[in-house]
Amino acid sequence: MSSKQSAPKNARKSGPAGPRQQAAAAPAPAPAGPRPARLTAAAALTGLEGLALAAAGIYLLVMGLLGKPDSPQQAETGGITVLALAALPLAAARGLWLLRRWSRGPAMATQIMALPVAWTLYNGGGGAMIAGAVLLAAVAVGTLVLLVNPTATEALGIGPRE
């Protein structure tokens, strides 16, 4: 058996790193330039959604502990779940604010998930529920429009695939 055959395929070479390895090791530069108003608005709306979810989660937790729910355990579990769900839009809003490329995906996912919630609220009846559903749907659609805008995608460093 020759020495070439016995060496593992994934072994590192002892020489200097090639240009491909050097490029992979360098961190990606952050997009330069000011934050466009559309991206600022998308970050603010996504952050408000996250804050609303966090407030709902805290409310469920408090009512589960202090109120008289049918199932305190279910109310507390629901509150913790909603608080955990609030982390996604809050992280996405911060990323959008700081012009982080990764943040667009979670922000868009949050808006897409908000649309069926708005539909469920709308079909739930009651004037306040319908008003909340319309508001949530308008915010979700508006934020999606802001996120797919070419100005926002360019500011985040997202361009057409080559």
N, C-alpha and C. Protein backbone atom coordinates (compact mmCIF):
# COMPACT_ATOMS: atom_id res chain seq x y z
N MET A 1 0.84 -1.17 0.00
CA MET A 1 0.00 0.00 0.00
C MET A 1 0.88 1.24 0.00
N SER A 2 0.61 2.15 -0.88
CA SER A 2 1.42 3.35 -0.95
C SER A 2 0.94 4.36 0.09
N SER A 3 1.79 5.37 0.35
CA SER A 3 1.43 6.37 1.35
C SER A 3 0.25 7.21 0.90
N LYS A 4 0.06 7.35 -0.40
CA LYS A 4 -1.09 8.11 -0.90
C LYS A 4 -2.39 7.40 -0.58
N GLN A 5 -2.41 6.09 -0.68
CA GLN A 5 -3.63 5.34 -0.45
C GLN A 5 -3.97 5.24 1.02
N SER A 6 -2.98 5.23 1.89
CA SER A 6 -3.26 5.05 3.31
C SER A 6 -3.66 6.35 4.01
N ALA A 7 -3.38 7.48 3.43
CA ALA A 7 -3.74 8.75 4.05
C ALA A 7 -5.25 8.94 3.98
N PRO A 8 -5.87 9.41 5.04
CA PRO A 8 -7.31 9.65 4.99
C PRO A 8 -7.65 10.74 3.98
N LYS A 9 -8.82 10.60 3.38
CA LYS A 9 -9.24 11.54 2.34
C LYS A 9 -9.50 12.94 2.88
N ASN A 10 -9.90 13.05 4.13
CA ASN A 10 -10.23 14.37 4.67
C ASN A 10 -9.08 14.97 5.50
N ALA A 11 -7.90 14.39 5.38
CA ALA A 11 -6.75 14.92 6.13
C ALA A 11 -6.36 16.28 5.58
N ARG A 12 -5.92 17.17 6.47
CA ARG A 12 -5.51 18.50 6.06
C ARG A 12 -4.08 18.46 5.56
N LYS A 13 -3.81 19.29 4.60
CA LYS A 13 -2.44 19.43 4.12
C LYS A 13 -1.70 20.35 5.07
N SER A 14 -0.42 20.10 5.22
CA SER A 14 0.33 20.89 6.17
C SER A 14 0.75 22.25 5.61
N GLY A 15 0.55 22.49 4.36
CA GLY A 15 0.94 23.75 3.74
C GLY A 15 -0.05 24.86 4.04
N PRO A 16 0.22 26.06 3.51
CA PRO A 16 -0.70 27.18 3.73
C PRO A 16 -2.05 26.91 3.09
N ALA A 17 -3.07 27.51 3.64
CA ALA A 17 -4.42 27.32 3.13
C ALA A 17 -4.53 27.90 1.73
N GLY A 18 -5.28 27.22 0.91
CA GLY A 18 -5.50 27.69 -0.46
C GLY A 18 -6.44 28.88 -0.47
N PRO A 19 -6.61 29.51 -1.65
CA PRO A 19 -7.47 30.69 -1.72
C PRO A 19 -8.92 30.38 -1.36
N ARG A 20 -9.38 29.20 -1.69
CA ARG A 20 -10.76 28.85 -1.39
C ARG A 20 -10.97 28.74 0.13
N GLN A 21 -10.02 28.14 0.84
CA GLN A 21 -10.13 28.01 2.29
C GLN A 21 -10.01 29.37 2.98
N GLN A 22 -9.15 30.24 2.46
CA GLN A 22 -9.00 31.56 3.06
C GLN A 22 -10.28 32.36 2.91
N ALA A 23 -10.94 32.25 1.77
CA ALA A 23 -12.17 32.99 1.55
C ALA A 23 -13.28 32.48 2.46
N ALA A 24 -13.31 31.17 2.70
CA ALA A 24 -14.35 30.60 3.55
C ALA A 24 -14.13 30.99 5.01
N ALA A 25 -12.88 31.17 5.42
CA ALA A 25 -12.59 31.48 6.81
C ALA A 25 -12.89 32.94 7.15
N ALA A 26 -12.82 33.82 6.16
CA ALA A 26 -13.05 35.24 6.42
C ALA A 26 -14.54 35.49 6.63
N PRO A 27 -14.91 36.30 7.63
CA PRO A 27 -16.32 36.59 7.85
C PRO A 27 -16.87 37.43 6.70
N ALA A 28 -18.15 37.22 6.41
CA ALA A 28 -18.79 37.98 5.34
C ALA A 28 -18.93 39.43 5.78
N PRO A 29 -18.61 40.37 4.92
CA PRO A 29 -18.73 41.78 5.30
C PRO A 29 -20.20 42.17 5.43
N ALA A 30 -20.47 43.03 6.37
CA ALA A 30 -21.84 43.53 6.55
C ALA A 30 -22.15 44.51 5.45
N PRO A 31 -23.39 44.54 4.98
CA PRO A 31 -23.76 45.50 3.95
C PRO A 31 -23.49 46.93 4.43
N ALA A 32 -22.95 47.72 3.55
CA ALA A 32 -22.62 49.09 3.90
C ALA A 32 -23.75 50.03 3.51
N GLY A 33 -23.76 51.17 4.10
CA GLY A 33 -24.74 52.18 3.74
C GLY A 33 -25.81 52.34 4.79
N PRO A 34 -26.60 53.39 4.65
CA PRO A 34 -27.65 53.64 5.63
C PRO A 34 -28.80 52.64 5.47
N ARG A 35 -29.57 52.49 6.52
CA ARG A 35 -30.72 51.59 6.50
C ARG A 35 -31.86 52.29 5.79
N PRO A 36 -32.43 51.67 4.76
CA PRO A 36 -33.56 52.30 4.06
C PRO A 36 -34.79 52.39 4.98
N ALA A 37 -35.62 53.37 4.71
CA ALA A 37 -36.83 53.58 5.52
C ALA A 37 -37.74 52.36 5.47
N ARG A 38 -37.79 51.69 4.33
CA ARG A 38 -38.65 50.50 4.21
C ARG A 38 -38.17 49.39 5.13
N LEU A 39 -36.88 49.24 5.24
CA LEU A 39 -36.33 48.21 6.11
C LEU A 39 -36.51 48.59 7.58
N THR A 40 -36.41 49.86 7.88
CA THR A 40 -36.68 50.34 9.24
C THR A 40 -38.13 50.06 9.62
N ALA A 41 -39.04 50.33 8.70
CA ALA A 41 -40.46 50.07 8.96
C ALA A 41 -40.72 48.57 9.14
N ALA A 42 -40.10 47.74 8.32
CA ALA A 42 -40.27 46.29 8.44
C ALA A 42 -39.74 45.80 9.79
N ALA A 43 -38.60 46.33 10.21
CA ALA A 43 -38.03 45.95 11.51
C ALA A 43 -38.96 46.38 12.64
N ALA A 44 -39.51 47.58 12.54
CA ALA A 44 -40.40 48.08 13.60
C ALA A 44 -41.68 47.25 13.68
N LEU A 45 -42.27 46.94 12.52
CA LEU A 45 -43.51 46.16 12.53
C LEU A 45 -43.27 44.74 13.03
N THR A 46 -42.16 44.14 12.63
CA THR A 46 -41.83 42.79 13.10
C THR A 46 -41.56 42.82 14.60
N GLY A 47 -40.89 43.85 15.08
CA GLY A 47 -40.65 43.98 16.51
C GLY A 47 -41.93 44.17 17.30
N LEU A 48 -42.87 44.95 16.76
CA LEU A 48 -44.16 45.13 17.44
C LEU A 48 -44.93 43.82 17.53
N GLU A 49 -44.85 43.02 16.48
CA GLU A 49 -45.50 41.71 16.53
C GLU A 49 -44.86 40.84 17.61
N GLY A 50 -43.54 40.87 17.68
CA GLY A 50 -42.85 40.11 18.72
C GLY A 50 -43.22 40.57 20.12
N LEU A 51 -43.31 41.89 20.31
CA LEU A 51 -43.70 42.43 21.61
C LEU A 51 -45.14 42.05 21.96
N ALA A 52 -46.03 42.05 20.96
CA ALA A 52 -47.41 41.65 21.21
C ALA A 52 -47.48 40.18 21.61
N LEU A 53 -46.68 39.34 20.95
CA LEU A 53 -46.64 37.93 21.34
C LEU A 53 -46.09 37.75 22.75
N ALA A 54 -45.05 38.50 23.07
CA ALA A 54 -44.47 38.40 24.42
C ALA A 54 -45.49 38.85 25.47
N ALA A 55 -46.22 39.91 25.19
CA ALA A 55 -47.25 40.38 26.13
C ALA A 55 -48.34 39.32 26.30
N ALA A 56 -48.74 38.69 25.21
CA ALA A 56 -49.76 37.64 25.30
C ALA A 56 -49.23 36.45 26.10
N GLY A 57 -47.98 36.10 25.90
CA GLY A 57 -47.39 35.00 26.66
C GLY A 57 -47.32 35.30 28.14
N ILE A 58 -46.94 36.51 28.49
CA ILE A 58 -46.88 36.91 29.90
C ILE A 58 -48.29 36.90 30.51
N TYR A 59 -49.25 37.40 29.74
CA TYR A 59 -50.64 37.40 30.22
C TYR A 59 -51.11 35.98 30.50
N LEU A 60 -50.84 35.06 29.58
CA LEU A 60 -51.25 33.67 29.79
C LEU A 60 -50.57 33.06 31.02
N LEU A 61 -49.30 33.37 31.21
CA LEU A 61 -48.60 32.86 32.39
C LEU A 61 -49.20 33.40 33.68
N VAL A 62 -49.44 34.70 33.71
CA VAL A 62 -49.99 35.32 34.92
C VAL A 62 -51.39 34.78 35.20
N MET A 63 -52.21 34.67 34.18
CA MET A 63 -53.57 34.16 34.38
C MET A 63 -53.54 32.68 34.77
N GLY A 64 -52.56 31.94 34.28
CA GLY A 64 -52.43 30.55 34.67
C GLY A 64 -52.03 30.39 36.13
N LEU A 65 -51.23 31.35 36.61
CA LEU A 65 -50.78 31.29 38.01
C LEU A 65 -51.78 31.92 38.98
N LEU A 66 -52.34 33.06 38.61
CA LEU A 66 -53.18 33.82 39.54
C LEU A 66 -54.68 33.70 39.27
N GLY A 67 -55.02 33.39 38.04
CA GLY A 67 -56.44 33.32 37.67
C GLY A 67 -57.04 31.98 38.02
N LYS A 68 -58.21 31.73 37.50
CA LYS A 68 -58.91 30.48 37.72
C LYS A 68 -59.16 29.77 36.38
N PRO A 69 -58.07 29.38 35.69
CA PRO A 69 -58.28 28.68 34.41
C PRO A 69 -58.79 27.26 34.63
N ASP A 70 -59.38 26.68 33.59
CA ASP A 70 -59.84 25.29 33.67
C ASP A 70 -58.66 24.37 33.92
N SER A 71 -57.55 24.68 33.29
CA SER A 71 -56.34 23.87 33.45
C SER A 71 -55.15 24.81 33.62
N PRO A 72 -54.70 25.02 34.86
CA PRO A 72 -53.54 25.91 35.07
C PRO A 72 -52.30 25.44 34.32
N GLN A 73 -52.10 24.13 34.27
CA GLN A 73 -50.93 23.60 33.57
C GLN A 73 -50.99 23.94 32.08
N GLN A 74 -52.16 23.82 31.49
CA GLN A 74 -52.31 24.14 30.08
C GLN A 74 -52.11 25.63 29.83
N ALA A 75 -52.60 26.48 30.71
CA ALA A 75 -52.42 27.92 30.56
C ALA A 75 -50.95 28.31 30.68
N GLU A 76 -50.26 27.70 31.63
CA GLU A 76 -48.84 28.00 31.80
C GLU A 76 -48.01 27.49 30.62
N THR A 77 -48.33 26.29 30.15
CA THR A 77 -47.63 25.75 28.98
C THR A 77 -47.89 26.63 27.76
N GLY A 78 -49.12 27.07 27.60
CA GLY A 78 -49.43 27.97 26.49
C GLY A 78 -48.67 29.28 26.58
N GLY A 79 -48.56 29.83 27.80
CA GLY A 79 -47.81 31.07 27.99
C GLY A 79 -46.35 30.91 27.66
N ILE A 80 -45.75 29.82 28.09
CA ILE A 80 -44.33 29.57 27.79
C ILE A 80 -44.14 29.38 26.29
N THR A 81 -45.07 28.68 25.65
CA THR A 81 -44.98 28.46 24.21
C THR A 81 -45.06 29.78 23.45
N VAL A 82 -45.99 30.63 23.83
CA VAL A 82 -46.14 31.92 23.14
C VAL A 82 -44.91 32.79 23.38
N LEU A 83 -44.35 32.74 24.59
CA LEU A 83 -43.11 33.49 24.85
C LEU A 83 -41.97 32.98 23.97
N ALA A 84 -41.89 31.67 23.81
CA ALA A 84 -40.85 31.11 22.93
C ALA A 84 -41.07 31.53 21.48
N LEU A 85 -42.32 31.56 21.06
CA LEU A 85 -42.63 32.00 19.69
C LEU A 85 -42.31 33.48 19.49
N ALA A 86 -42.38 34.26 20.54
CA ALA A 86 -42.08 35.70 20.44
C ALA A 86 -40.61 35.94 20.14
N ALA A 87 -39.77 34.97 20.46
CA ALA A 87 -38.33 35.14 20.22
C ALA A 87 -38.01 35.27 18.73
N LEU A 88 -38.75 34.56 17.88
CA LEU A 88 -38.46 34.60 16.43
C LEU A 88 -38.64 36.00 15.84
N PRO A 89 -39.81 36.63 15.98
CA PRO A 89 -39.92 37.97 15.40
C PRO A 89 -39.03 39.00 16.08
N LEU A 90 -38.79 38.84 17.37
CA LEU A 90 -37.90 39.80 18.05
C LEU A 90 -36.47 39.69 17.53
N ALA A 91 -35.99 38.47 17.35
CA ALA A 91 -34.65 38.28 16.79
C ALA A 91 -34.59 38.77 15.35
N ALA A 92 -35.64 38.49 14.58
CA ALA A 92 -35.67 38.94 13.19
C ALA A 92 -35.70 40.46 13.11
N ALA A 93 -36.45 41.10 13.99
CA ALA A 93 -36.51 42.57 13.98
C ALA A 93 -35.15 43.17 14.30
N ARG A 94 -34.47 42.59 15.27
CA ARG A 94 -33.13 43.09 15.60
C ARG A 94 -32.18 42.90 14.43
N GLY A 95 -32.27 41.74 13.79
CA GLY A 95 -31.43 41.49 12.62
C GLY A 95 -31.71 42.45 11.48
N LEU A 96 -32.97 42.73 11.24
CA LEU A 96 -33.32 43.70 10.19
C LEU A 96 -32.79 45.08 10.54
N TRP A 97 -32.92 45.45 11.81
CA TRP A 97 -32.44 46.76 12.25
C TRP A 97 -30.93 46.89 12.05
N LEU A 98 -30.22 45.79 12.29
CA LEU A 98 -28.76 45.80 12.15
C LEU A 98 -28.29 45.40 10.75
N LEU A 99 -29.21 45.30 9.82
CA LEU A 99 -28.92 44.97 8.42
C LEU A 99 -28.26 43.60 8.28
N ARG A 100 -28.76 42.61 9.00
CA ARG A 100 -28.23 41.26 8.91
C ARG A 100 -28.99 40.50 7.84
N ARG A 101 -28.25 39.88 6.95
CA ARG A 101 -28.84 39.18 5.81
C ARG A 101 -29.77 38.04 6.25
N TRP A 102 -29.40 37.31 7.29
CA TRP A 102 -30.16 36.15 7.73
C TRP A 102 -31.55 36.51 8.24
N SER A 103 -31.76 37.75 8.63
CA SER A 103 -32.99 38.13 9.33
C SER A 103 -34.22 38.19 8.43
N ARG A 104 -34.02 38.28 7.14
CA ARG A 104 -35.17 38.40 6.23
C ARG A 104 -36.03 37.13 6.24
N GLY A 105 -35.40 35.97 6.26
CA GLY A 105 -36.14 34.71 6.26
C GLY A 105 -37.05 34.55 7.47
N PRO A 106 -36.52 34.68 8.69
CA PRO A 106 -37.40 34.58 9.86
C PRO A 106 -38.49 35.66 9.89
N ALA A 107 -38.17 36.85 9.41
CA ALA A 107 -39.17 37.92 9.39
C ALA A 107 -40.30 37.56 8.42
N MET A 108 -39.94 37.03 7.26
CA MET A 108 -40.97 36.64 6.30
C MET A 108 -41.78 35.45 6.82
N ALA A 109 -41.12 34.50 7.46
CA ALA A 109 -41.84 33.35 8.03
C ALA A 109 -42.84 33.81 9.09
N THR A 110 -42.45 34.79 9.88
CA THR A 110 -43.35 35.32 10.91
C THR A 110 -44.60 35.92 10.26
N GLN A 111 -44.42 36.66 9.19
CA GLN A 111 -45.56 37.30 8.52
C GLN A 111 -46.47 36.25 7.88
N ILE A 112 -45.87 35.24 7.29
CA ILE A 112 -46.67 34.19 6.65
C ILE A 112 -47.46 33.42 7.71
N MET A 113 -46.86 33.19 8.88
CA MET A 113 -47.58 32.50 9.96
C MET A 113 -48.68 33.38 10.55
N ALA A 114 -48.54 34.67 10.45
CA ALA A 114 -49.55 35.58 11.00
C ALA A 114 -50.84 35.57 10.18
N LEU A 115 -50.75 35.26 8.90
CA LEU A 115 -51.94 35.31 8.05
C LEU A 115 -53.01 34.27 8.44
N PRO A 116 -52.66 33.00 8.68
CA PRO A 116 -53.71 32.07 9.15
C PRO A 116 -54.24 32.44 10.55
N VAL A 117 -53.39 33.03 11.37
CA VAL A 117 -53.85 33.48 12.69
C VAL A 117 -54.90 34.57 12.51
N ALA A 118 -54.64 35.49 11.60
CA ALA A 118 -55.60 36.56 11.33
C ALA A 118 -56.92 35.98 10.80
N TRP A 119 -56.83 34.99 9.95
CA TRP A 119 -58.03 34.36 9.40
C TRP A 119 -58.85 33.69 10.51
N THR A 120 -58.14 33.01 11.42
CA THR A 120 -58.82 32.35 12.53
C THR A 120 -59.49 33.38 13.44
N LEU A 121 -58.80 34.48 13.72
CA LEU A 121 -59.41 35.55 14.53
C LEU A 121 -60.64 36.13 13.83
N TYR A 122 -60.55 36.31 12.53
CA TYR A 122 -61.66 36.87 11.76
C TYR A 122 -62.88 35.96 11.84
N ASN A 123 -62.67 34.67 11.75
CA ASN A 123 -63.78 33.72 11.81
C ASN A 123 -64.24 33.46 13.23
N GLY A 124 -63.49 33.96 14.23
CA GLY A 124 -63.86 33.78 15.63
C GLY A 124 -65.02 34.64 16.06
N GLY A 125 -65.40 35.60 15.25
CA GLY A 125 -66.54 36.45 15.57
C GLY A 125 -66.15 37.63 16.44
N GLY A 126 -67.13 38.38 16.86
CA GLY A 126 -66.92 39.53 17.74
C GLY A 126 -66.25 40.69 17.04
N GLY A 127 -66.67 41.89 17.39
CA GLY A 127 -66.13 43.09 16.75
C GLY A 127 -64.66 43.30 17.01
N ALA A 128 -64.22 43.09 18.24
CA ALA A 128 -62.81 43.30 18.57
C ALA A 128 -61.94 42.24 17.90
N MET A 129 -62.45 41.03 17.80
CA MET A 129 -61.68 39.96 17.14
C MET A 129 -61.50 40.26 15.66
N ILE A 130 -62.56 40.73 15.03
CA ILE A 130 -62.50 41.05 13.60
C ILE A 130 -61.56 42.23 13.37
N ALA A 131 -61.64 43.24 14.22
CA ALA A 131 -60.74 44.39 14.09
C ALA A 131 -59.29 43.97 14.27
N GLY A 132 -59.03 43.12 15.26
CA GLY A 132 -57.68 42.61 15.47
C GLY A 132 -57.19 41.78 14.29
N ALA A 133 -58.09 41.00 13.71
CA ALA A 133 -57.72 40.17 12.56
C ALA A 133 -57.36 41.04 11.36
N VAL A 134 -58.14 42.07 11.13
CA VAL A 134 -57.86 42.97 9.99
C VAL A 134 -56.53 43.69 10.22
N LEU A 135 -56.30 44.14 11.43
CA LEU A 135 -55.05 44.83 11.75
C LEU A 135 -53.85 43.89 11.57
N LEU A 136 -53.96 42.67 12.09
CA LEU A 136 -52.87 41.70 11.97
C LEU A 136 -52.60 41.36 10.51
N ALA A 137 -53.65 41.14 9.73
CA ALA A 137 -53.46 40.82 8.31
C ALA A 137 -52.83 42.00 7.56
N ALA A 138 -53.26 43.21 7.88
CA ALA A 138 -52.69 44.39 7.21
C ALA A 138 -51.21 44.54 7.55
N VAL A 139 -50.86 44.33 8.82
CA VAL A 139 -49.45 44.44 9.22
C VAL A 139 -48.63 43.34 8.54
N ALA A 140 -49.15 42.12 8.50
CA ALA A 140 -48.41 41.02 7.90
C ALA A 140 -48.19 41.24 6.41
N VAL A 141 -49.23 41.62 5.69
CA VAL A 141 -49.09 41.85 4.25
C VAL A 141 -48.19 43.06 3.99
N GLY A 142 -48.38 44.12 4.76
CA GLY A 142 -47.53 45.30 4.59
C GLY A 142 -46.06 45.00 4.85
N THR A 143 -45.78 44.22 5.88
CA THR A 143 -44.39 43.88 6.19
C THR A 143 -43.80 42.99 5.12
N LEU A 144 -44.59 42.05 4.59
CA LEU A 144 -44.10 41.21 3.49
C LEU A 144 -43.74 42.06 2.27
N VAL A 145 -44.58 43.04 1.97
CA VAL A 145 -44.29 43.93 0.84
C VAL A 145 -42.99 44.70 1.09
N LEU A 146 -42.81 45.17 2.32
CA LEU A 146 -41.58 45.90 2.64
C LEU A 146 -40.34 45.00 2.54
N LEU A 147 -40.48 43.74 2.92
CA LEU A 147 -39.34 42.83 2.92
C LEU A 147 -38.93 42.36 1.54
N VAL A 148 -39.86 42.30 0.60
CA VAL A 148 -39.51 41.85 -0.75
C VAL A 148 -39.14 43.02 -1.66
N ASN A 149 -39.23 44.22 -1.15
CA ASN A 149 -38.87 45.40 -1.93
C ASN A 149 -37.40 45.36 -2.32
N PRO A 150 -37.05 45.68 -3.57
CA PRO A 150 -35.65 45.64 -3.99
C PRO A 150 -34.72 46.52 -3.14
N THR A 151 -35.21 47.64 -2.66
CA THR A 151 -34.37 48.50 -1.81
C THR A 151 -33.97 47.77 -0.54
N ALA A 152 -34.92 47.06 0.07
CA ALA A 152 -34.63 46.32 1.30
C ALA A 152 -33.69 45.14 1.03
N THR A 153 -33.93 44.42 -0.05
CA THR A 153 -33.07 43.27 -0.33
C THR A 153 -31.65 43.70 -0.63
N GLU A 154 -31.48 44.81 -1.34
CA GLU A 154 -30.15 45.31 -1.62
C GLU A 154 -29.43 45.77 -0.34
N ALA A 155 -30.17 46.40 0.55
CA ALA A 155 -29.57 46.86 1.81
C ALA A 155 -29.12 45.68 2.66
N LEU A 156 -29.81 44.55 2.53
CA LEU A 156 -29.43 43.36 3.28
C LEU A 156 -28.35 42.53 2.56
N GLY A 157 -27.99 42.95 1.36
CA GLY A 157 -26.97 42.23 0.61
C GLY A 157 -27.53 41.00 -0.09
N ILE A 158 -28.83 41.00 -0.34
CA ILE A 158 -29.46 39.88 -1.03
C ILE A 158 -29.70 40.30 -2.46
N GLY A 159 -29.14 39.57 -3.37
CA GLY A 159 -29.30 39.88 -4.77
C GLY A 159 -29.84 38.69 -5.54
N PRO A 160 -30.00 38.84 -6.83
CA PRO A 160 -30.49 37.71 -7.63
C PRO A 160 -29.45 36.58 -7.63
N ARG A 161 -29.94 35.38 -7.72
CA ARG A 161 -29.04 34.22 -7.76
C ARG A 161 -28.35 34.18 -9.10
N GLU A 162 -27.08 33.82 -9.04
CA GLU A 162 -26.30 33.80 -10.28
C GLU A 162 -26.17 32.41 -10.80
